[in-house]
């Protein structure tokens, strides 16, 4: 999941500070999600899935299909 978060962020031409601002948190806090140091709370997973227009299953590595289903 860690590299998936980083890859999605980079694919969207965003840096950690921009993603953190979107999530309403510090860059340091967000960085700990990318490195796997901290688990990601459900509400943050939802925000990330919406930001990247993907499924939570994809973010968690449960599927390799990034498509978000309605």
PDB file of N, CA and C in Angstrom:
ATOM      1  N   UNK A   1       0.821  -1.192   0.000  1.00  0.00           N
ATOM      2  CA  UNK A   1       0.000   0.000   0.000  1.00  0.00           C
ATOM      3  C   UNK A   1       0.867   1.259   0.000  1.00  0.00           C
ATOM      4  N   UNK A   2       2.001   1.202   0.669  1.00  0.00           N
ATOM      5  CA  UNK A   2       2.831   2.402   0.775  1.00  0.00           C
ATOM      6  C   UNK A   2       3.240   2.930  -0.582  1.00  0.00           C
ATOM      7  N   UNK A   3       3.762   2.041  -1.432  1.00  0.00           N
ATOM      8  CA  UNK A   3       4.203   2.515  -2.745  1.00  0.00           C
ATOM      9  C   UNK A   3       3.014   2.919  -3.604  1.00  0.00           C
ATOM     10  N   UNK A   4       1.867   2.313  -3.372  1.00  0.00           N
ATOM     11  CA  UNK A   4       0.667   2.671  -4.125  1.00  0.00           C
ATOM     12  C   UNK A   4       0.264   4.110  -3.816  1.00  0.00           C
ATOM     13  N   UNK A   5       0.311   4.503  -2.559  1.00  0.00           N
ATOM     14  CA  UNK A   5      -0.011   5.891  -2.192  1.00  0.00           C
ATOM     15  C   UNK A   5       0.961   6.866  -2.839  1.00  0.00           C
ATOM     16  N   UNK A   6       2.224   6.537  -2.771  1.00  0.00           N
ATOM     17  CA  UNK A   6       3.242   7.404  -3.376  1.00  0.00           C
ATOM     18  C   UNK A   6       3.053   7.489  -4.887  1.00  0.00           C
ATOM     19  N   UNK A   7       2.823   6.336  -5.515  1.00  0.00           N
ATOM     20  CA  UNK A   7       2.638   6.313  -6.967  1.00  0.00           C
ATOM     21  C   UNK A   7       1.417   7.119  -7.390  1.00  0.00           C
ATOM     22  N   UNK A   8       0.307   6.967  -6.689  1.00  0.00           N
ATOM     23  CA  UNK A   8      -0.891   7.733  -7.013  1.00  0.00           C
ATOM     24  C   UNK A   8      -0.641   9.234  -6.866  1.00  0.00           C
ATOM     25  N   UNK A   9       0.020   9.602  -5.786  1.00  0.00           N
ATOM     26  CA  UNK A   9       0.326  11.017  -5.551  1.00  0.00           C
ATOM     27  C   UNK A   9       1.177  11.566  -6.687  1.00  0.00           C
ATOM     28  N   UNK A  10       2.202  10.841  -7.055  1.00  0.00           N
ATOM     29  CA  UNK A  10       3.089  11.295  -8.124  1.00  0.00           C
ATOM     30  C   UNK A  10       2.375  11.299  -9.474  1.00  0.00           C
ATOM     31  N   UNK A  11       1.523  10.311  -9.722  1.00  0.00           N
ATOM     32  CA  UNK A  11       0.759  10.265 -10.970  1.00  0.00           C
ATOM     33  C   UNK A  11      -0.171  11.472 -11.111  1.00  0.00           C
ATOM     34  N   UNK A  12      -0.578  12.028  -9.980  1.00  0.00           N
ATOM     35  CA  UNK A  12      -1.451  13.203  -9.980  1.00  0.00           C
ATOM     36  C   UNK A  12      -0.653  14.506  -9.831  1.00  0.00           C
ATOM     37  N   UNK A  13       0.668  14.399 -10.008  1.00  0.00           N
ATOM     38  CA  UNK A  13       1.560  15.569  -9.936  1.00  0.00           C
ATOM     39  C   UNK A  13       1.364  16.381  -8.661  1.00  0.00           C
ATOM     40  N   UNK A  14       1.300  15.664  -7.557  1.00  0.00           N
ATOM     41  CA  UNK A  14       1.142  16.310  -6.256  1.00  0.00           C
ATOM     42  C   UNK A  14       2.330  15.956  -5.368  1.00  0.00           C
ATOM     43  N   UNK A  15       2.623  16.852  -4.436  1.00  0.00           N
ATOM     44  CA  UNK A  15       3.635  16.530  -3.437  1.00  0.00           C
ATOM     45  C   UNK A  15       2.928  16.217  -2.115  1.00  0.00           C
ATOM     46  N   UNK A  16       3.682  15.764  -1.149  1.00  0.00           N
ATOM     47  CA  UNK A  16       3.082  15.368   0.127  1.00  0.00           C
ATOM     48  C   UNK A  16       2.388  16.539   0.809  1.00  0.00           C
ATOM     49  N   UNK A  17       2.934  17.725   0.688  1.00  0.00           N
ATOM     50  CA  UNK A  17       2.337  18.901   1.316  1.00  0.00           C
ATOM     51  C   UNK A  17       0.959  19.184   0.723  1.00  0.00           C
ATOM     52  N   UNK A  18       0.814  19.034  -0.581  1.00  0.00           N
ATOM     53  CA  UNK A  18      -0.476  19.271  -1.232  1.00  0.00           C
ATOM     54  C   UNK A  18      -1.519  18.243  -0.798  1.00  0.00           C
ATOM     55  N   UNK A  19      -1.126  16.984  -0.753  1.00  0.00           N
ATOM     56  CA  UNK A  19      -2.063  15.938  -0.323  1.00  0.00           C
ATOM     57  C   UNK A  19      -2.440  16.162   1.136  1.00  0.00           C
ATOM     58  N   UNK A  20      -1.464  16.461   1.961  1.00  0.00           N
ATOM     59  CA  UNK A  20      -1.733  16.706   3.379  1.00  0.00           C
ATOM     60  C   UNK A  20      -2.704  17.866   3.554  1.00  0.00           C
ATOM     61  N   UNK A  21      -2.545  18.937   2.797  1.00  0.00           N
ATOM     62  CA  UNK A  21      -3.456  20.082   2.879  1.00  0.00           C
ATOM     63  C   UNK A  21      -4.870  19.655   2.489  1.00  0.00           C
ATOM     64  N   UNK A  22      -4.993  18.835   1.459  1.00  0.00           N
ATOM     65  CA  UNK A  22      -6.302  18.334   1.035  1.00  0.00           C
ATOM     66  C   UNK A  22      -6.957  17.517   2.153  1.00  0.00           C
ATOM     67  N   UNK A  23      -6.142  16.793   2.903  1.00  0.00           N
ATOM     68  CA  UNK A  23      -6.640  15.951   3.983  1.00  0.00           C
ATOM     69  C   UNK A  23      -6.814  16.710   5.288  1.00  0.00           C
ATOM     70  N   UNK A  24      -6.316  17.955   5.337  1.00  0.00           N
ATOM     71  CA  UNK A  24      -6.419  18.759   6.557  1.00  0.00           C
ATOM     72  C   UNK A  24      -5.464  18.317   7.643  1.00  0.00           C
ATOM     73  N   UNK A  25      -4.257  17.963   7.237  1.00  0.00           N
ATOM     74  CA  UNK A  25      -3.269  17.489   8.204  1.00  0.00           C
ATOM     75  C   UNK A  25      -1.880  17.997   7.824  1.00  0.00           C
ATOM     76  N   UNK A  26      -0.898  17.671   8.633  1.00  0.00           N
ATOM     77  CA  UNK A  26       0.475  18.100   8.350  1.00  0.00           C
ATOM     78  C   UNK A  26       1.127  17.172   7.337  1.00  0.00           C
ATOM     79  N   UNK A  27       2.158  17.684   6.679  1.00  0.00           N
ATOM     80  CA  UNK A  27       2.927  16.877   5.730  1.00  0.00           C
ATOM     81  C   UNK A  27       3.580  15.709   6.460  1.00  0.00           C
ATOM     82  N   UNK A  28       4.073  15.953   7.663  1.00  0.00           N
ATOM     83  CA  UNK A  28       4.723  14.901   8.449  1.00  0.00           C
ATOM     84  C   UNK A  28       3.745  13.776   8.760  1.00  0.00           C
ATOM     85  N   UNK A  29       2.530  14.136   9.131  1.00  0.00           N
ATOM     86  CA  UNK A  29       1.507  13.123   9.419  1.00  0.00           C
ATOM     87  C   UNK A  29       1.185  12.291   8.195  1.00  0.00           C
ATOM     88  N   UNK A  30       1.041  12.962   7.058  1.00  0.00           N
ATOM     89  CA  UNK A  30       0.745  12.232   5.829  1.00  0.00           C
ATOM     90  C   UNK A  30       1.921  11.336   5.443  1.00  0.00           C
ATOM     91  N   UNK A  31       3.128  11.831   5.585  1.00  0.00           N
ATOM     92  CA  UNK A  31       4.321  11.062   5.245  1.00  0.00           C
ATOM     93  C   UNK A  31       4.351   9.724   5.979  1.00  0.00           C
ATOM     94  N   UNK A  32       3.867   9.714   7.211  1.00  0.00           N
ATOM     95  CA  UNK A  32       3.856   8.478   7.998  1.00  0.00           C
ATOM     96  C   UNK A  32       2.887   7.446   7.427  1.00  0.00           C
ATOM     97  N   UNK A  33       1.873   7.889   6.695  1.00  0.00           N
ATOM     98  CA  UNK A  33       0.989   6.948   5.996  1.00  0.00           C
ATOM     99  C   UNK A  33       1.722   6.330   4.815  1.00  0.00           C
ATOM    100  N   UNK A  34       2.449   7.165   4.076  1.00  0.00           N
ATOM    101  CA  UNK A  34       3.175   6.647   2.899  1.00  0.00           C
ATOM    102  C   UNK A  34       4.280   5.676   3.295  1.00  0.00           C
ATOM    103  N   UNK A  35       4.922   5.913   4.422  1.00  0.00           N
ATOM    104  CA  UNK A  35       6.008   5.033   4.847  1.00  0.00           C
ATOM    105  C   UNK A  35       5.509   3.808   5.607  1.00  0.00           C
ATOM    106  N   UNK A  36       4.217   3.811   5.969  1.00  0.00           N
ATOM    107  CA  UNK A  36       3.661   2.693   6.716  1.00  0.00           C
ATOM    108  C   UNK A  36       3.895   2.790   8.202  1.00  0.00           C
ATOM    109  N   UNK A  37       4.437   3.917   8.658  1.00  0.00           N
ATOM    110  CA  UNK A  37       4.689   4.104  10.087  1.00  0.00           C
ATOM    111  C   UNK A  37       3.376   4.186  10.868  1.00  0.00           C
ATOM    112  N   UNK A  38       2.345   4.788  10.270  1.00  0.00           N
ATOM    113  CA  UNK A  38       1.025   4.891  10.894  1.00  0.00           C
ATOM    114  C   UNK A  38      -0.027   4.245  10.006  1.00  0.00           C
ATOM    115  N   UNK A  39      -1.009   3.618  10.637  1.00  0.00           N
ATOM    116  CA  UNK A  39      -2.166   3.102   9.907  1.00  0.00           C
ATOM    117  C   UNK A  39      -3.027   4.277   9.477  1.00  0.00           C
ATOM    118  N   UNK A  40      -3.738   4.097   8.381  1.00  0.00           N
ATOM    119  CA  UNK A  40      -4.571   5.160   7.842  1.00  0.00           C
ATOM    120  C   UNK A  40      -5.994   4.995   8.365  1.00  0.00           C
ATOM    121  N   UNK A  41      -6.520   6.013   9.038  1.00  0.00           N
ATOM    122  CA  UNK A  41      -7.906   5.937   9.521  1.00  0.00           C
ATOM    123  C   UNK A  41      -8.897   5.867   8.354  1.00  0.00           C
ATOM    124  N   UNK A  42     -10.046   5.289   8.612  1.00  0.00           N
ATOM    125  CA  UNK A  42     -11.063   5.110   7.588  1.00  0.00           C
ATOM    126  C   UNK A  42     -11.429   6.409   6.893  1.00  0.00           C
ATOM    127  N   UNK A  43     -11.623   7.482   7.649  1.00  0.00           N
ATOM    128  CA  UNK A  43     -12.035   8.749   7.033  1.00  0.00           C
ATOM    129  C   UNK A  43     -10.963   9.292   6.088  1.00  0.00           C
ATOM    130  N   UNK A  44      -9.706   9.017   6.368  1.00  0.00           N
ATOM    131  CA  UNK A  44      -8.612   9.447   5.477  1.00  0.00           C
ATOM    132  C   UNK A  44      -8.596   8.562   4.228  1.00  0.00           C
ATOM    133  N   UNK A  45      -8.834   7.266   4.393  1.00  0.00           N
ATOM    134  CA  UNK A  45      -8.921   6.376   3.228  1.00  0.00           C
ATOM    135  C   UNK A  45     -10.017   6.834   2.274  1.00  0.00           C
ATOM    136  N   UNK A  46     -11.153   7.229   2.822  1.00  0.00           N
ATOM    137  CA  UNK A  46     -12.258   7.708   1.993  1.00  0.00           C
ATOM    138  C   UNK A  46     -11.848   8.959   1.235  1.00  0.00           C
ATOM    139  N   UNK A  47     -11.205   9.893   1.914  1.00  0.00           N
ATOM    140  CA  UNK A  47     -10.762  11.129   1.258  1.00  0.00           C
ATOM    141  C   UNK A  47      -9.739  10.840   0.167  1.00  0.00           C
ATOM    142  N   UNK A  48      -8.812   9.918   0.424  1.00  0.00           N
ATOM    143  CA  UNK A  48      -7.806   9.575  -0.582  1.00  0.00           C
ATOM    144  C   UNK A  48      -8.439   8.901  -1.789  1.00  0.00           C
ATOM    145  N   UNK A  49      -9.380   8.003  -1.549  1.00  0.00           N
ATOM    146  CA  UNK A  49     -10.065   7.329  -2.658  1.00  0.00           C
ATOM    147  C   UNK A  49     -10.806   8.351  -3.516  1.00  0.00           C
ATOM    148  N   UNK A  50     -11.429   9.322  -2.890  1.00  0.00           N
ATOM    149  CA  UNK A  50     -12.132  10.366  -3.646  1.00  0.00           C
ATOM    150  C   UNK A  50     -11.143  11.255  -4.393  1.00  0.00           C
ATOM    151  N   UNK A  51     -10.061  11.617  -3.742  1.00  0.00           N
ATOM    152  CA  UNK A  51      -9.049  12.471  -4.366  1.00  0.00           C
ATOM    153  C   UNK A  51      -8.501  11.820  -5.633  1.00  0.00           C
ATOM    154  N   UNK A  52      -8.193  10.542  -5.554  1.00  0.00           N
ATOM    155  CA  UNK A  52      -7.572   9.835  -6.669  1.00  0.00           C
ATOM    156  C   UNK A  52      -8.586   9.104  -7.554  1.00  0.00           C
ATOM    157  N   UNK A  53      -9.874   9.217  -7.207  1.00  0.00           N
ATOM    158  CA  UNK A  53     -10.940   8.568  -7.968  1.00  0.00           C
ATOM    159  C   UNK A  53     -10.671   7.073  -8.144  1.00  0.00           C
ATOM    160  N   UNK A  54     -10.418   6.431  -7.016  1.00  0.00           N
ATOM    161  CA  UNK A  54     -10.137   4.997  -7.011  1.00  0.00           C
ATOM    162  C   UNK A  54     -10.873   4.349  -5.846  1.00  0.00           C
ATOM    163  N   UNK A  55     -10.776   3.064  -5.740  1.00  0.00           N
ATOM    164  CA  UNK A  55     -11.463   2.359  -4.652  1.00  0.00           C
ATOM    165  C   UNK A  55     -10.549   2.237  -3.433  1.00  0.00           C
ATOM    166  N   UNK A  56     -11.179   2.074  -2.295  1.00  0.00           N
ATOM    167  CA  UNK A  56     -10.414   1.832  -1.070  1.00  0.00           C
ATOM    168  C   UNK A  56      -9.702   0.489  -1.172  1.00  0.00           C
ATOM    169  N   UNK A  57     -10.336  -0.491  -1.794  1.00  0.00           N
ATOM    170  CA  UNK A  57      -9.685  -1.792  -1.993  1.00  0.00           C
ATOM    171  C   UNK A  57      -8.373  -1.636  -2.746  1.00  0.00           C
ATOM    172  N   UNK A  58      -8.362  -0.759  -3.749  1.00  0.00           N
ATOM    173  CA  UNK A  58      -7.131  -0.517  -4.499  1.00  0.00           C
ATOM    174  C   UNK A  58      -6.071   0.122  -3.601  1.00  0.00           C
ATOM    175  N   UNK A  59      -6.478   1.108  -2.808  1.00  0.00           N
ATOM    176  CA  UNK A  59      -5.535   1.761  -1.892  1.00  0.00           C
ATOM    177  C   UNK A  59      -4.929   0.758  -0.913  1.00  0.00           C
ATOM    178  N   UNK A  60      -5.745  -0.191  -0.472  1.00  0.00           N
ATOM    179  CA  UNK A  60      -5.292  -1.175   0.512  1.00  0.00           C
ATOM    180  C   UNK A  60      -4.548  -2.349  -0.107  1.00  0.00           C
ATOM    181  N   UNK A  61      -4.492  -2.400  -1.439  1.00  0.00           N
ATOM    182  CA  UNK A  61      -3.793  -3.488  -2.103  1.00  0.00           C
ATOM    183  C   UNK A  61      -4.604  -4.752  -2.223  1.00  0.00           C
ATOM    184  N   UNK A  62      -5.909  -4.663  -2.020  1.00  0.00           N
ATOM    185  CA  UNK A  62      -6.786  -5.830  -2.119  1.00  0.00           C
ATOM    186  C   UNK A  62      -7.138  -6.167  -3.565  1.00  0.00           C
ATOM    187  N   UNK A  63      -6.927  -5.209  -4.463  1.00  0.00           N
ATOM    188  CA  UNK A  63      -7.166  -5.424  -5.881  1.00  0.00           C
ATOM    189  C   UNK A  63      -6.144  -4.613  -6.671  1.00  0.00           C
ATOM    190  N   UNK A  64      -5.883  -5.059  -7.868  1.00  0.00           N
ATOM    191  CA  UNK A  64      -4.996  -4.307  -8.747  1.00  0.00           C
ATOM    192  C   UNK A  64      -5.794  -3.463  -9.740  1.00  0.00           C
ATOM    193  N   UNK A  65      -7.125  -3.496  -9.605  1.00  0.00           N
ATOM    194  CA  UNK A  65      -8.010  -2.725 -10.472  1.00  0.00           C
ATOM    195  C   UNK A  65      -8.305  -1.377  -9.800  1.00  0.00           C
ATOM    196  N   UNK A  66      -7.741  -0.296 -10.333  1.00  0.00           N
ATOM    197  CA  UNK A  66      -7.910   1.000  -9.678  1.00  0.00           C
ATOM    198  C   UNK A  66      -9.286   1.623  -9.853  1.00  0.00           C
ATOM    199  N   UNK A  67     -10.105   1.060 -10.726  1.00  0.00           N
ATOM    200  CA  UNK A  67     -11.399   1.659 -11.028  1.00  0.00           C
ATOM    201  C   UNK A  67     -12.282   1.737  -9.792  1.00  0.00           C
ATOM    202  N   UNK A  68     -12.908   2.870  -9.656  1.00  0.00           N
ATOM    203  CA  UNK A  68     -13.839   3.091  -8.557  1.00  0.00           C
ATOM    204  C   UNK A  68     -15.229   2.718  -9.031  1.00  0.00           C
ATOM    205  N   UNK A  69     -15.938   1.956  -8.210  1.00  0.00           N
ATOM    206  CA  UNK A  69     -17.284   1.531  -8.565  1.00  0.00           C
ATOM    207  C   UNK A  69     -18.293   2.397  -7.832  1.00  0.00           C
ATOM    208  N   UNK A  70     -19.354   2.796  -8.533  1.00  0.00           N
ATOM    209  CA  UNK A  70     -20.368   3.662  -7.900  1.00  0.00           C
ATOM    210  C   UNK A  70     -21.116   2.983  -6.788  1.00  0.00           C
TER     211      UNK A  70
END
